[in-house]
Protein backbone atom coordinates (compact mmCIF):
# COMPACT_ATOMS: atom_id res chain seq x y z
CA MET A 1 58.07 19.65 -3.32
CA GLU A 2 55.81 22.23 -2.58
CA ASN A 3 58.04 23.76 0.44
CA LEU A 4 61.01 23.57 -1.80
CA ASN A 5 59.22 25.66 -4.47
CA GLN A 6 58.29 28.15 -1.81
CA ILE A 7 61.74 28.39 -0.32
CA VAL A 8 63.17 29.07 -3.98
CA HIS A 9 60.46 31.50 -4.72
CA THR A 10 61.18 33.58 -1.58
CA ILE A 11 64.90 33.54 -2.14
CA ALA A 12 64.42 34.48 -5.63
CA MET A 13 62.04 37.49 -4.78
CA SER A 14 64.40 38.57 -1.73
CA MET A 15 67.64 38.40 -3.79
CA GLY A 16 66.10 39.60 -7.03
CA LEU A 17 64.72 42.64 -5.20
CA ALA A 18 68.58 43.02 -3.74
CA TRP A 19 70.30 42.67 -6.85
CA ALA A 20 67.69 44.97 -8.72
CA SER A 21 67.80 47.56 -6.32
CA GLY A 22 71.61 48.24 -6.68
CA ILE A 23 70.95 48.90 -10.18
CA ASN A 24 67.66 50.79 -10.09
CA LEU A 25 66.00 50.90 -6.91
CA TYR A 26 62.85 52.83 -8.15
CA ALA A 27 62.39 50.94 -11.30
CA ALA A 28 62.29 47.57 -8.68
CA MET A 29 59.98 49.53 -6.52
CA LEU A 30 57.74 50.67 -9.29
CA VAL A 31 57.44 46.98 -11.03
CA LEU A 32 56.73 45.54 -7.81
CA GLY A 33 54.38 48.04 -6.50
CA LEU A 34 52.43 47.80 -9.95
CA LEU A 35 52.35 43.94 -9.93
CA GLY A 36 51.07 43.91 -6.20
CA ALA A 37 48.56 46.71 -6.92
CA SER A 38 47.34 44.97 -10.02
CA GLY A 39 46.80 41.55 -8.20
CA ASN A 40 49.42 39.69 -10.54
CA ILE A 41 51.67 38.70 -7.62
CA LEU A 42 50.89 38.37 -3.92
CA LEU A 43 53.37 40.50 -1.81
CA PRO A 44 54.48 39.51 1.53
CA SER A 45 52.90 41.78 4.29
CA ALA A 46 56.15 43.90 4.63
CA LEU A 47 55.99 44.55 1.06
CA LEU A 48 52.33 45.60 0.92
CA PRO A 49 53.23 49.40 1.04
CA LEU A 50 54.99 49.15 -2.25
CA ALA A 51 51.47 48.60 -3.45
CA HIS A 52 50.18 51.88 -1.99
CA PRO A 53 49.17 54.49 -4.65
CA LEU A 54 51.26 57.18 -2.92
CA VAL A 55 54.40 54.87 -2.88
CA ILE A 56 53.92 53.78 -6.39
CA THR A 57 53.52 57.52 -7.41
CA ALA A 58 56.62 58.56 -5.38
CA SER A 59 58.67 55.51 -7.10
CA GLY A 60 57.39 56.58 -10.38
CA ILE A 61 58.53 60.09 -10.09
CA MET A 62 62.06 59.38 -8.93
CA TYR A 63 62.28 56.62 -11.83
CA PHE A 64 61.29 59.65 -14.30
CA VAL A 65 64.33 61.52 -12.56
CA GLU A 66 66.68 58.92 -12.78
CA PHE A 67 65.64 58.02 -16.36
CA PHE A 68 67.28 61.43 -17.71
CA ALA A 69 69.93 61.91 -15.02
CA ASP A 70 71.09 58.31 -15.59
CA LYS A 71 71.63 59.11 -19.37
CA MET A 72 73.60 62.14 -18.99
CA PRO A 73 77.48 61.57 -18.96
CA GLY A 74 79.06 63.07 -15.96
CA VAL A 75 75.50 63.45 -14.02
CA ASP A 76 75.09 59.76 -13.88
CA SER A 77 78.21 59.12 -11.81
CA GLY A 78 77.21 61.97 -9.51
CA TRP A 79 73.74 60.12 -9.31
CA ASP A 80 75.45 56.90 -8.62
CA THR A 81 77.69 58.38 -5.73
CA LEU A 82 74.62 60.03 -4.04
CA HIS A 83 72.67 56.69 -4.17
CA THR A 84 75.30 54.69 -2.79
CA PHE A 85 74.12 55.67 0.52
CA ILE A 86 70.19 54.78 -0.73
CA ARG A 87 70.44 51.72 -3.02
CA ILE A 88 72.49 49.30 -0.73
CA PRO A 89 70.54 49.90 2.59
CA ALA A 90 67.19 49.85 0.47
CA GLY A 91 68.32 46.62 -0.98
CA ALA A 92 68.98 45.09 2.26
CA ILE A 93 65.51 46.29 3.76
CA LEU A 94 63.82 44.93 0.81
CA ALA A 95 65.40 41.75 0.97
CA ALA A 96 64.81 41.48 4.61
CA SER A 97 61.00 42.43 4.16
CA ALA A 98 60.45 39.81 1.36
CA VAL A 99 60.94 36.78 3.78
CA GLY A 100 60.04 38.81 7.03
CA ASP A 101 56.80 36.90 7.55
CA MET A 102 58.48 33.64 7.69
CA ASP A 103 61.34 34.06 10.43
CA PRO A 104 62.91 37.17 12.07
CA ALA A 105 66.37 35.53 11.99
CA LEU A 106 66.02 34.67 8.44
CA ALA A 107 64.91 38.44 7.74
CA VAL A 108 68.23 39.66 9.42
CA ALA A 109 70.22 36.99 7.20
CA ALA A 110 68.29 37.85 4.32
CA GLY A 111 69.19 41.54 4.82
CA ILE A 112 73.01 40.97 5.46
CA MET A 113 73.10 39.09 2.07
CA GLY A 114 70.85 41.58 0.14
CA GLY A 115 72.74 44.48 1.34
CA THR A 116 75.94 42.66 0.13
CA LEU A 117 74.50 41.82 -3.22
CA SER A 118 73.03 45.48 -3.52
CA ALA A 119 76.76 46.70 -3.15
CA GLY A 120 77.98 44.41 -5.69
CA SER A 121 75.39 45.14 -8.42
CA HIS A 122 75.65 48.93 -7.51
CA ALA A 123 79.49 48.85 -7.61
CA LEU A 124 79.33 47.23 -11.02
CA LYS A 125 77.03 49.77 -12.42
CA ALA A 126 78.80 52.67 -10.97
CA GLY A 127 82.15 51.33 -11.92
CA SER A 128 81.04 50.34 -15.53
CA ARG A 129 79.71 54.17 -15.86
CA LEU A 130 82.75 55.81 -14.84
CA ILE A 131 84.83 53.87 -17.42
CA ILE A 132 81.92 54.71 -19.93
CA ASN A 133 82.26 58.30 -19.09
CA THR A 134 85.63 58.51 -20.62
CA SER A 135 84.23 58.21 -23.92
CA PRO A 136 83.10 61.64 -25.36
CA GLU A 137 80.02 60.39 -26.90
CA PRO A 138 76.57 60.20 -25.10
CA PHE A 139 75.24 57.07 -26.88
CA SER A 140 77.26 54.61 -24.63
CA ASN A 141 75.56 56.00 -21.68
CA TRP A 142 72.03 55.75 -23.29
CA ALA A 143 72.80 52.21 -24.19
CA ALA A 144 74.02 51.54 -21.06
CA SER A 145 71.16 52.98 -18.88
CA ILE A 146 68.30 51.61 -21.32
CA GLY A 147 70.07 47.95 -20.88
CA GLU A 148 70.04 48.29 -17.15
CA ASP A 149 66.46 49.32 -17.17
CA VAL A 150 65.42 46.30 -19.32
CA ALA A 151 67.79 43.94 -17.19
CA VAL A 152 65.96 45.04 -13.88
CA VAL A 153 62.48 44.60 -15.43
CA ALA A 154 63.33 41.43 -16.90
CA GLY A 155 65.38 40.08 -13.97
CA LEU A 156 62.51 40.70 -11.32
CA TRP A 157 59.94 39.21 -13.87
CA THR A 158 62.10 36.10 -14.00
CA ALA A 159 62.62 36.03 -10.14
CA LEU A 160 58.92 36.02 -9.77
CA GLN A 161 57.53 33.75 -12.41
CA TYR A 162 60.99 31.42 -12.97
CA PRO A 163 62.53 31.47 -9.70
CA PHE A 164 64.83 28.38 -10.38
CA VAL A 165 66.07 30.06 -13.69
CA PHE A 166 66.79 33.50 -11.68
CA ILE A 167 68.67 31.92 -9.07
CA ILE A 168 71.05 30.08 -11.88
CA PHE A 169 71.39 33.75 -13.52
CA LEU A 170 72.16 35.20 -9.94
CA ILE A 171 74.92 32.60 -9.37
CA LEU A 172 76.40 33.50 -12.83
CA PHE A 173 76.17 37.13 -11.79
CA ILE A 174 77.92 36.53 -8.67
CA LEU A 175 80.93 34.71 -10.46
CA LEU A 176 80.64 37.70 -12.91
CA LEU A 177 81.11 40.13 -10.12
CA ILE A 178 84.24 38.22 -8.62
CA TRP A 179 85.93 38.29 -11.76
CA ALA A 180 84.94 41.86 -13.21
CA LEU A 181 85.35 44.02 -9.99
CA PRO A 182 89.01 43.79 -9.33
CA LYS A 183 89.87 44.50 -12.98
CA MET A 184 87.21 47.13 -12.95
CA TRP A 185 89.07 48.88 -9.84
CA TYR A 186 92.49 48.65 -11.22
CA MET A 187 91.04 50.39 -14.60
CA ILE A 188 89.15 53.22 -12.51
CA LYS A 189 92.50 53.51 -10.23
CA THR A 190 94.44 53.98 -13.24
CA LEU A 191 92.10 56.53 -14.71
CA PHE A 192 92.01 58.65 -11.69
CA GLN A 193 95.96 58.28 -11.76
CA ARG A 194 96.21 59.63 -15.03
CA ILE A 195 93.88 62.70 -14.14
CA ALA A 196 96.04 63.45 -11.30
CA ASP A 197 99.15 63.21 -13.28
CA LEU A 198 97.67 65.67 -15.82
CA PHE A 199 96.54 68.08 -13.05
CA ARG A 200 100.12 67.96 -11.65
CA SER A 201 101.71 68.54 -15.07
CA LYS A 202 99.45 71.52 -15.82
CA LYS A 203 100.39 73.03 -12.26
CA GLY A 204 103.98 72.45 -13.12
CA GLU A 205 103.77 74.28 -16.64
CA SER A 206 102.06 77.04 -15.05
CA ALA A 207 104.47 77.49 -12.09
């Protein structure tokens, strides 16, 4: 039973980091670093650098920047586009590092799964922001951003304290992804099509 608990705890930490990284990488690193530095959790050796004061400071600064960038309509989508190349590989690395002490092959498998999960949570975040940005008021962006920050902190806390519960929520999240991403892709494609038609019509009028 103890072995089962350890396995579940490791899976929850690994996949929890990957999921959180796709939404807000710096918040995930900051939370884990602070918990590790304060002694509230025991980090795997590969994740110990997260608890170093320099890494905590860097994570805090970048979270501060993202906190404001993520609440500005338009800027948030540009920030998400840039972080496509940061959140996904970082999520894969953190997921692999969480199990690296156990088995190198397991670390590779966790990295593959973690990268995929990070890509999914990032796609859901970035896609929903594109749709939200069609609204002229900024309040929906603020609400979405604050909700994401709360979800990351609460999700990581649940993964570390109640790993069985987190895995249930993770399965539900994956089912949500399977349902939502195709619909979101259709909405985004329609949105860009309308923008393209608008530019074509204006170009035709000017000609």
